[in-house]
């Protein structure tokens, strides 16, 4: 994750915001796919919508369960957010 962020040239402040941004994006994806799944006239097949929604939910659960590891990898000691500093709500 850090190599990818470094390749994009993210500033220390951006690195600190990245875990929350990832969670926010996954939550938007989850809401989108839940809406598609509940839409009876959606052009996406029901089974495919359910599959993508479940995958998104697993991905979000993984990110949330491992956020401390991601934050530690992205932020030097003493810099950036800490576990519990959740600015994405």
PDB file of N, CA and C in Angstrom:
ATOM      1  N   UNK A   1       0.833  -1.180   0.000  1.00  0.00           N
ATOM      2  CA  UNK A   1       0.000   0.000   0.000  1.00  0.00           C
ATOM      3  C   UNK A   1       0.880   1.245   0.000  1.00  0.00           C
ATOM      4  N   UNK A   2       1.937   1.214   0.796  1.00  0.00           N
ATOM      5  CA  UNK A   2       2.821   2.379   0.869  1.00  0.00           C
ATOM      6  C   UNK A   2       3.529   2.606  -0.462  1.00  0.00           C
ATOM      7  N   UNK A   3       3.969   1.532  -1.118  1.00  0.00           N
ATOM      8  CA  UNK A   3       4.631   1.678  -2.421  1.00  0.00           C
ATOM      9  C   UNK A   3       3.709   2.326  -3.436  1.00  0.00           C
ATOM     10  N   UNK A   4       2.459   1.923  -3.444  1.00  0.00           N
ATOM     11  CA  UNK A   4       1.497   2.508  -4.371  1.00  0.00           C
ATOM     12  C   UNK A   4       1.286   3.989  -4.048  1.00  0.00           C
ATOM     13  N   UNK A   5       1.113   4.303  -2.769  1.00  0.00           N
ATOM     14  CA  UNK A   5       0.921   5.702  -2.370  1.00  0.00           C
ATOM     15  C   UNK A   5       2.146   6.538  -2.731  1.00  0.00           C
ATOM     16  N   UNK A   6       3.338   5.980  -2.504  1.00  0.00           N
ATOM     17  CA  UNK A   6       4.567   6.707  -2.848  1.00  0.00           C
ATOM     18  C   UNK A   6       4.681   6.926  -4.354  1.00  0.00           C
ATOM     19  N   UNK A   7       4.241   5.943  -5.128  1.00  0.00           N
ATOM     20  CA  UNK A   7       4.300   6.077  -6.588  1.00  0.00           C
ATOM     21  C   UNK A   7       3.430   7.237  -7.071  1.00  0.00           C
ATOM     22  N   UNK A   8       2.368   7.531  -6.341  1.00  0.00           N
ATOM     23  CA  UNK A   8       1.505   8.657  -6.689  1.00  0.00           C
ATOM     24  C   UNK A   8       2.012   9.969  -6.103  1.00  0.00           C
ATOM     25  N   UNK A   9       3.066   9.907  -5.307  1.00  0.00           N
ATOM     26  CA  UNK A   9       3.646  11.122  -4.745  1.00  0.00           C
ATOM     27  C   UNK A   9       2.773  11.791  -3.703  1.00  0.00           C
ATOM     28  N   UNK A  10       2.058  10.999  -2.911  1.00  0.00           N
ATOM     29  CA  UNK A  10       1.179  11.584  -1.897  1.00  0.00           C
ATOM     30  C   UNK A  10       1.983  12.272  -0.809  1.00  0.00           C
ATOM     31  N   UNK A  11       1.476  13.406  -0.371  1.00  0.00           N
ATOM     32  CA  UNK A  11       2.105  14.149   0.721  1.00  0.00           C
ATOM     33  C   UNK A  11       1.853  13.413   2.036  1.00  0.00           C
ATOM     34  N   UNK A  12       2.604  13.752   3.085  1.00  0.00           N
ATOM     35  CA  UNK A  12       2.331  13.137   4.388  1.00  0.00           C
ATOM     36  C   UNK A  12       0.879  13.334   4.837  1.00  0.00           C
ATOM     37  N   UNK A  13       0.331  14.505   4.589  1.00  0.00           N
ATOM     38  CA  UNK A  13      -1.070  14.756   4.962  1.00  0.00           C
ATOM     39  C   UNK A  13      -2.008  13.843   4.178  1.00  0.00           C
ATOM     40  N   UNK A  14      -1.742  13.669   2.878  1.00  0.00           N
ATOM     41  CA  UNK A  14      -2.570  12.781   2.062  1.00  0.00           C
ATOM     42  C   UNK A  14      -2.434  11.331   2.512  1.00  0.00           C
ATOM     43  N   UNK A  15      -1.219  10.938   2.880  1.00  0.00           N
ATOM     44  CA  UNK A  15      -1.018   9.579   3.392  1.00  0.00           C
ATOM     45  C   UNK A  15      -1.850   9.346   4.642  1.00  0.00           C
ATOM     46  N   UNK A  16      -1.918  10.351   5.494  1.00  0.00           N
ATOM     47  CA  UNK A  16      -2.702  10.244   6.713  1.00  0.00           C
ATOM     48  C   UNK A  16      -4.190  10.132   6.463  1.00  0.00           C
ATOM     49  N   UNK A  17      -4.649  10.703   5.356  1.00  0.00           N
ATOM     50  CA  UNK A  17      -6.077  10.664   5.025  1.00  0.00           C
ATOM     51  C   UNK A  17      -6.459   9.448   4.188  1.00  0.00           C
ATOM     52  N   UNK A  18      -5.491   8.741   3.656  1.00  0.00           N
ATOM     53  CA  UNK A  18      -5.779   7.647   2.730  1.00  0.00           C
ATOM     54  C   UNK A  18      -6.619   6.520   3.332  1.00  0.00           C
ATOM     55  N   UNK A  19      -6.326   6.011   4.530  1.00  0.00           N
ATOM     56  CA  UNK A  19      -7.176   4.934   5.057  1.00  0.00           C
ATOM     57  C   UNK A  19      -8.652   5.326   5.174  1.00  0.00           C
ATOM     58  N   UNK A  20      -8.924   6.531   5.637  1.00  0.00           N
ATOM     59  CA  UNK A  20     -10.311   6.988   5.748  1.00  0.00           C
ATOM     60  C   UNK A  20     -10.944   7.130   4.369  1.00  0.00           C
ATOM     61  N   UNK A  21     -10.184   7.613   3.403  1.00  0.00           N
ATOM     62  CA  UNK A  21     -10.707   7.759   2.042  1.00  0.00           C
ATOM     63  C   UNK A  21     -11.058   6.399   1.437  1.00  0.00           C
ATOM     64  N   UNK A  22     -10.233   5.407   1.717  1.00  0.00           N
ATOM     65  CA  UNK A  22     -10.513   4.054   1.216  1.00  0.00           C
ATOM     66  C   UNK A  22     -11.809   3.530   1.840  1.00  0.00           C
ATOM     67  N   UNK A  23     -11.954   3.701   3.151  1.00  0.00           N
ATOM     68  CA  UNK A  23     -13.193   3.249   3.813  1.00  0.00           C
ATOM     69  C   UNK A  23     -14.409   3.975   3.254  1.00  0.00           C
ATOM     70  N   UNK A  24     -14.299   5.277   3.057  1.00  0.00           N
ATOM     71  CA  UNK A  24     -15.427   6.041   2.512  1.00  0.00           C
ATOM     72  C   UNK A  24     -15.812   5.521   1.132  1.00  0.00           C
ATOM     73  N   UNK A  25     -14.822   5.276   0.299  1.00  0.00           N
ATOM     74  CA  UNK A  25     -15.104   4.800  -1.057  1.00  0.00           C
ATOM     75  C   UNK A  25     -15.769   3.430  -1.025  1.00  0.00           C
ATOM     76  N   UNK A  26     -15.291   2.560  -0.167  1.00  0.00           N
ATOM     77  CA  UNK A  26     -15.900   1.233  -0.067  1.00  0.00           C
ATOM     78  C   UNK A  26     -17.334   1.323   0.448  1.00  0.00           C
ATOM     79  N   UNK A  27     -17.594   2.235   1.362  1.00  0.00           N
ATOM     80  CA  UNK A  27     -18.972   2.419   1.843  1.00  0.00           C
ATOM     81  C   UNK A  27     -19.879   2.934   0.727  1.00  0.00           C
ATOM     82  N   UNK A  28     -19.354   3.834  -0.108  1.00  0.00           N
ATOM     83  CA  UNK A  28     -20.156   4.305  -1.256  1.00  0.00           C
ATOM     84  C   UNK A  28     -20.403   3.167  -2.239  1.00  0.00           C
ATOM     85  N   UNK A  29     -19.372   2.347  -2.466  1.00  0.00           N
ATOM     86  CA  UNK A  29     -19.554   1.184  -3.347  1.00  0.00           C
ATOM     87  C   UNK A  29     -20.623   0.252  -2.788  1.00  0.00           C
ATOM     88  N   UNK A  30     -20.573   0.017  -1.484  1.00  0.00           N
ATOM     89  CA  UNK A  30     -21.549  -0.862  -0.848  1.00  0.00           C
ATOM     90  C   UNK A  30     -22.968  -0.321  -1.033  1.00  0.00           C
ATOM     91  N   UNK A  31     -23.147   0.968  -0.800  1.00  0.00           N
ATOM     92  CA  UNK A  31     -24.473   1.577  -0.964  1.00  0.00           C
ATOM     93  C   UNK A  31     -24.934   1.489  -2.419  1.00  0.00           C
ATOM     94  N   UNK A  32     -24.029   1.722  -3.354  1.00  0.00           N
ATOM     95  CA  UNK A  32     -24.375   1.644  -4.774  1.00  0.00           C
ATOM     96  C   UNK A  32     -24.859   0.245  -5.139  1.00  0.00           C
ATOM     97  N   UNK A  33     -24.069  -0.769  -4.769  1.00  0.00           N
ATOM     98  CA  UNK A  33     -24.437  -2.138  -5.148  1.00  0.00           C
ATOM     99  C   UNK A  33     -25.666  -2.627  -4.404  1.00  0.00           C
ATOM    100  N   UNK A  34     -25.876  -2.147  -3.183  1.00  0.00           N
ATOM    101  CA  UNK A  34     -27.109  -2.503  -2.469  1.00  0.00           C
ATOM    102  C   UNK A  34     -28.311  -1.921  -3.214  1.00  0.00           C
ATOM    103  N   UNK A  35     -28.178  -0.688  -3.695  1.00  0.00           N
ATOM    104  CA  UNK A  35     -29.253  -0.072  -4.473  1.00  0.00           C
ATOM    105  C   UNK A  35     -29.527  -0.805  -5.766  1.00  0.00           C
ATOM    106  N   UNK A  36     -28.470  -1.222  -6.459  1.00  0.00           N
ATOM    107  CA  UNK A  36     -28.647  -1.988  -7.695  1.00  0.00           C
ATOM    108  C   UNK A  36     -29.341  -3.308  -7.395  1.00  0.00           C
ATOM    109  N   UNK A  37     -28.935  -3.963  -6.318  1.00  0.00           N
ATOM    110  CA  UNK A  37     -29.519  -5.246  -5.946  1.00  0.00           C
ATOM    111  C   UNK A  37     -31.001  -5.105  -5.626  1.00  0.00           C
ATOM    112  N   UNK A  38     -31.372  -4.006  -5.003  1.00  0.00           N
ATOM    113  CA  UNK A  38     -32.771  -3.791  -4.617  1.00  0.00           C
ATOM    114  C   UNK A  38     -33.634  -3.260  -5.755  1.00  0.00           C
ATOM    115  N   UNK A  39     -33.017  -2.802  -6.841  1.00  0.00           N
ATOM    116  CA  UNK A  39     -33.736  -2.251  -7.990  1.00  0.00           C
ATOM    117  C   UNK A  39     -34.221  -3.402  -8.875  1.00  0.00           C
ATOM    118  N   UNK A  40     -35.506  -3.573  -8.937  1.00  0.00           N
ATOM    119  CA  UNK A  40     -36.075  -4.692  -9.693  1.00  0.00           C
ATOM    120  C   UNK A  40     -35.895  -4.563 -11.206  1.00  0.00           C
ATOM    121  N   UNK A  41     -35.617  -3.363 -11.696  1.00  0.00           N
ATOM    122  CA  UNK A  41     -35.462  -3.170 -13.145  1.00  0.00           C
ATOM    123  C   UNK A  41     -34.019  -2.825 -13.529  1.00  0.00           C
ATOM    124  N   UNK A  42     -33.089  -3.053 -12.631  1.00  0.00           N
ATOM    125  CA  UNK A  42     -31.681  -2.758 -12.922  1.00  0.00           C
ATOM    126  C   UNK A  42     -31.198  -3.635 -14.066  1.00  0.00           C
ATOM    127  N   UNK A  43     -30.273  -3.098 -14.835  1.00  0.00           N
ATOM    128  CA  UNK A  43     -29.745  -3.843 -15.985  1.00  0.00           C
ATOM    129  C   UNK A  43     -28.697  -4.876 -15.582  1.00  0.00           C
ATOM    130  N   UNK A  44     -28.230  -4.815 -14.340  1.00  0.00           N
ATOM    131  CA  UNK A  44     -27.237  -5.782 -13.856  1.00  0.00           C
ATOM    132  C   UNK A  44     -27.988  -6.989 -13.291  1.00  0.00           C
ATOM    133  N   UNK A  45     -27.625  -8.180 -13.700  1.00  0.00           N
ATOM    134  CA  UNK A  45     -28.305  -9.372 -13.160  1.00  0.00           C
ATOM    135  C   UNK A  45     -28.230  -9.438 -11.638  1.00  0.00           C
ATOM    136  N   UNK A  46     -29.301  -9.890 -11.019  1.00  0.00           N
ATOM    137  CA  UNK A  46     -29.406  -9.962  -9.562  1.00  0.00           C
ATOM    138  C   UNK A  46     -28.233 -10.740  -8.963  1.00  0.00           C
ATOM    139  N   UNK A  47     -27.891 -11.871  -9.527  1.00  0.00           N
ATOM    140  CA  UNK A  47     -26.799 -12.691  -8.979  1.00  0.00           C
ATOM    141  C   UNK A  47     -25.473 -11.935  -9.016  1.00  0.00           C
ATOM    142  N   UNK A  48     -25.232 -11.208 -10.098  1.00  0.00           N
ATOM    143  CA  UNK A  48     -23.980 -10.442 -10.214  1.00  0.00           C
ATOM    144  C   UNK A  48     -23.951  -9.308  -9.186  1.00  0.00           C
ATOM    145  N   UNK A  49     -25.072  -8.629  -9.010  1.00  0.00           N
ATOM    146  CA  UNK A  49     -25.143  -7.546  -8.018  1.00  0.00           C
ATOM    147  C   UNK A  49     -24.870  -8.085  -6.624  1.00  0.00           C
ATOM    148  N   UNK A  50     -25.462  -9.230  -6.301  1.00  0.00           N
ATOM    149  CA  UNK A  50     -25.262  -9.835  -4.985  1.00  0.00           C
ATOM    150  C   UNK A  50     -23.804 -10.234  -4.796  1.00  0.00           C
ATOM    151  N   UNK A  51     -23.188 -10.748  -5.844  1.00  0.00           N
ATOM    152  CA  UNK A  51     -21.783 -11.161  -5.777  1.00  0.00           C
ATOM    153  C   UNK A  51     -20.871  -9.960  -5.530  1.00  0.00           C
ATOM    154  N   UNK A  52     -21.093  -8.879  -6.266  1.00  0.00           N
ATOM    155  CA  UNK A  52     -20.249  -7.688  -6.114  1.00  0.00           C
ATOM    156  C   UNK A  52     -20.494  -7.035  -4.758  1.00  0.00           C
ATOM    157  N   UNK A  53     -21.736  -7.003  -4.296  1.00  0.00           N
ATOM    158  CA  UNK A  53     -22.040  -6.446  -2.980  1.00  0.00           C
ATOM    159  C   UNK A  53     -21.324  -7.253  -1.896  1.00  0.00           C
ATOM    160  N   UNK A  54     -21.401  -8.556  -1.961  1.00  0.00           N
ATOM    161  CA  UNK A  54     -20.738  -9.404  -0.958  1.00  0.00           C
ATOM    162  C   UNK A  54     -19.224  -9.196  -0.984  1.00  0.00           C
ATOM    163  N   UNK A  55     -18.641  -9.100  -2.168  1.00  0.00           N
ATOM    164  CA  UNK A  55     -17.204  -8.866  -2.299  1.00  0.00           C
ATOM    165  C   UNK A  55     -16.827  -7.522  -1.680  1.00  0.00           C
ATOM    166  N   UNK A  56     -17.614  -6.494  -1.961  1.00  0.00           N
ATOM    167  CA  UNK A  56     -17.359  -5.165  -1.417  1.00  0.00           C
ATOM    168  C   UNK A  56     -17.445  -5.181   0.106  1.00  0.00           C
ATOM    169  N   UNK A  57     -18.427  -5.891   0.642  1.00  0.00           N
ATOM    170  CA  UNK A  57     -18.571  -5.979   2.091  1.00  0.00           C
ATOM    171  C   UNK A  57     -17.382  -6.711   2.728  1.00  0.00           C
ATOM    172  N   UNK A  58     -16.894  -7.754   2.076  1.00  0.00           N
ATOM    173  CA  UNK A  58     -15.706  -8.451   2.593  1.00  0.00           C
ATOM    174  C   UNK A  58     -14.481  -7.546   2.548  1.00  0.00           C
ATOM    175  N   UNK A  59     -14.348  -6.799   1.467  1.00  0.00           N
ATOM    176  CA  UNK A  59     -13.217  -5.890   1.330  1.00  0.00           C
ATOM    177  C   UNK A  59     -13.260  -4.805   2.413  1.00  0.00           C
ATOM    178  N   UNK A  60     -14.430  -4.234   2.638  1.00  0.00           N
ATOM    179  CA  UNK A  60     -14.588  -3.218   3.674  1.00  0.00           C
ATOM    180  C   UNK A  60     -14.280  -3.803   5.048  1.00  0.00           C
ATOM    181  N   UNK A  61     -14.774  -4.988   5.338  1.00  0.00           N
ATOM    182  CA  UNK A  61     -14.507  -5.625   6.629  1.00  0.00           C
ATOM    183  C   UNK A  61     -13.008  -5.855   6.816  1.00  0.00           C
ATOM    184  N   UNK A  62     -12.328  -6.262   5.757  1.00  0.00           N
ATOM    185  CA  UNK A  62     -10.882  -6.491   5.831  1.00  0.00           C
ATOM    186  C   UNK A  62     -10.135  -5.188   6.109  1.00  0.00           C
ATOM    187  N   UNK A  63     -10.493  -4.150   5.378  1.00  0.00           N
ATOM    188  CA  UNK A  63      -9.845  -2.845   5.563  1.00  0.00           C
ATOM    189  C   UNK A  63     -10.074  -2.348   6.985  1.00  0.00           C
ATOM    190  N   UNK A  64     -11.301  -2.458   7.477  1.00  0.00           N
ATOM    191  CA  UNK A  64     -11.599  -1.982   8.827  1.00  0.00           C
ATOM    192  C   UNK A  64     -10.883  -2.824   9.882  1.00  0.00           C
ATOM    193  N   UNK A  65     -10.809  -4.137   9.694  1.00  0.00           N
ATOM    194  CA  UNK A  65     -10.146  -5.007  10.658  1.00  0.00           C
ATOM    195  C   UNK A  65      -8.638  -4.779  10.690  1.00  0.00           C
ATOM    196  N   UNK A  66      -8.070  -4.307   9.594  1.00  0.00           N
ATOM    197  CA  UNK A  66      -6.625  -4.136   9.485  1.00  0.00           C
ATOM    198  C   UNK A  66      -6.191  -2.680   9.380  1.00  0.00           C
ATOM    199  N   UNK A  67      -7.060  -1.759   9.747  1.00  0.00           N
ATOM    200  CA  UNK A  67      -6.753  -0.338   9.571  1.00  0.00           C
ATOM    201  C   UNK A  67      -5.514   0.084  10.343  1.00  0.00           C
ATOM    202  N   UNK A  68      -5.277  -0.485  11.507  1.00  0.00           N
ATOM    203  CA  UNK A  68      -4.096  -0.118  12.275  1.00  0.00           C
ATOM    204  C   UNK A  68      -2.819  -0.459  11.500  1.00  0.00           C
ATOM    205  N   UNK A  69      -2.812  -1.591  10.849  1.00  0.00           N
ATOM    206  CA  UNK A  69      -1.663  -2.005  10.041  1.00  0.00           C
ATOM    207  C   UNK A  69      -1.464  -1.050   8.873  1.00  0.00           C
ATOM    208  N   UNK A  70      -2.543  -0.677   8.199  1.00  0.00           N
ATOM    209  CA  UNK A  70      -2.441   0.246   7.069  1.00  0.00           C
ATOM    210  C   UNK A  70      -1.942   1.611   7.513  1.00  0.00           C
ATOM    211  N   UNK A  71      -2.470   2.092   8.621  1.00  0.00           N
ATOM    212  CA  UNK A  71      -2.046   3.399   9.126  1.00  0.00           C
ATOM    213  C   UNK A  71      -0.564   3.365   9.488  1.00  0.00           C
ATOM    214  N   UNK A  72      -0.134   2.295  10.146  1.00  0.00           N
ATOM    215  CA  UNK A  72       1.277   2.173  10.520  1.00  0.00           C
ATOM    216  C   UNK A  72       2.172   2.134   9.282  1.00  0.00           C
ATOM    217  N   UNK A  73       1.723   1.483   8.233  1.00  0.00           N
ATOM    218  CA  UNK A  73       2.517   1.389   7.002  1.00  0.00           C
ATOM    219  C   UNK A  73       2.580   2.723   6.276  1.00  0.00           C
ATOM    220  N   UNK A  74       1.551   3.525   6.396  1.00  0.00           N
ATOM    221  CA  UNK A  74       1.473   4.774   5.654  1.00  0.00           C
ATOM    222  C   UNK A  74       2.052   5.964   6.396  1.00  0.00           C
ATOM    223  N   UNK A  75       1.971   5.952   7.703  1.00  0.00           N
ATOM    224  CA  UNK A  75       2.342   7.130   8.482  1.00  0.00           C
ATOM    225  C   UNK A  75       3.555   6.835   9.343  1.00  0.00           C
ATOM    226  N   UNK A  76       4.562   7.680   9.274  1.00  0.00           N
ATOM    227  CA  UNK A  76       5.708   7.514  10.167  1.00  0.00           C
ATOM    228  C   UNK A  76       5.248   7.593  11.620  1.00  0.00           C
ATOM    229  N   UNK A  77       5.984   6.978  12.510  1.00  0.00           N
ATOM    230  CA  UNK A  77       5.633   6.995  13.932  1.00  0.00           C
ATOM    231  C   UNK A  77       5.415   8.427  14.411  1.00  0.00           C
ATOM    232  N   UNK A  78       4.300   8.622  15.086  1.00  0.00           N
ATOM    233  CA  UNK A  78       4.006   9.936  15.635  1.00  0.00           C
ATOM    234  C   UNK A  78       3.334  10.887  14.663  1.00  0.00           C
ATOM    235  N   UNK A  79       3.152  10.474  13.421  1.00  0.00           N
ATOM    236  CA  UNK A  79       2.520  11.355  12.435  1.00  0.00           C
ATOM    237  C   UNK A  79       1.212  10.728  11.969  1.00  0.00           C
ATOM    238  N   UNK A  80       0.318  11.562  11.533  1.00  0.00           N
ATOM    239  CA  UNK A  80      -0.919  11.072  10.941  1.00  0.00           C
ATOM    240  C   UNK A  80      -1.905  10.567  11.974  1.00  0.00           C
ATOM    241  N   UNK A  81      -3.017  10.001  11.498  1.00  0.00           N
ATOM    242  CA  UNK A  81      -4.075   9.552  12.401  1.00  0.00           C
ATOM    243  C   UNK A  81      -3.666   8.285  13.138  1.00  0.00           C
ATOM    244  N   UNK A  82      -4.329   8.049  14.235  1.00  0.00           N
ATOM    245  CA  UNK A  82      -4.140   6.818  14.973  1.00  0.00           C
ATOM    246  C   UNK A  82      -5.453   6.061  14.971  1.00  0.00           C
ATOM    247  N   UNK A  83      -5.379   4.801  15.277  1.00  0.00           N
ATOM    248  CA  UNK A  83      -6.582   3.992  15.368  1.00  0.00           C
ATOM    249  C   UNK A  83      -7.552   4.699  16.304  1.00  0.00           C
ATOM    250  N   UNK A  84      -8.752   4.869  15.895  1.00  0.00           N
ATOM    251  CA  UNK A  84      -9.729   5.582  16.679  1.00  0.00           C
ATOM    252  C   UNK A  84      -9.938   7.009  16.192  1.00  0.00           C
ATOM    253  N   UNK A  85      -8.966   7.564  15.473  1.00  0.00           N
ATOM    254  CA  UNK A  85      -9.137   8.887  14.865  1.00  0.00           C
ATOM    255  C   UNK A  85      -9.892   8.695  13.572  1.00  0.00           C
ATOM    256  N   UNK A  86     -11.205   8.604  13.668  1.00  0.00           N
ATOM    257  CA  UNK A  86     -12.014   8.271  12.496  1.00  0.00           C
ATOM    258  C   UNK A  86     -12.732   9.517  12.033  1.00  0.00           C
ATOM    259  N   UNK A  87     -12.172  10.147  11.028  1.00  0.00           N
ATOM    260  CA  UNK A  87     -12.730  11.384  10.486  1.00  0.00           C
ATOM    261  C   UNK A  87     -13.637  11.132   9.303  1.00  0.00           C
ATOM    262  N   UNK A  88     -14.019   9.884   9.084  1.00  0.00           N
ATOM    263  CA  UNK A  88     -14.800   9.559   7.887  1.00  0.00           C
ATOM    264  C   UNK A  88     -16.267   9.319   8.199  1.00  0.00           C
ATOM    265  N   UNK A  89     -16.726   9.733   9.347  1.00  0.00           N
ATOM    266  CA  UNK A  89     -18.140   9.531   9.677  1.00  0.00           C
ATOM    267  C   UNK A  89     -18.863  10.832   9.602  1.00  0.00           C
TER     268      UNK A  89
END
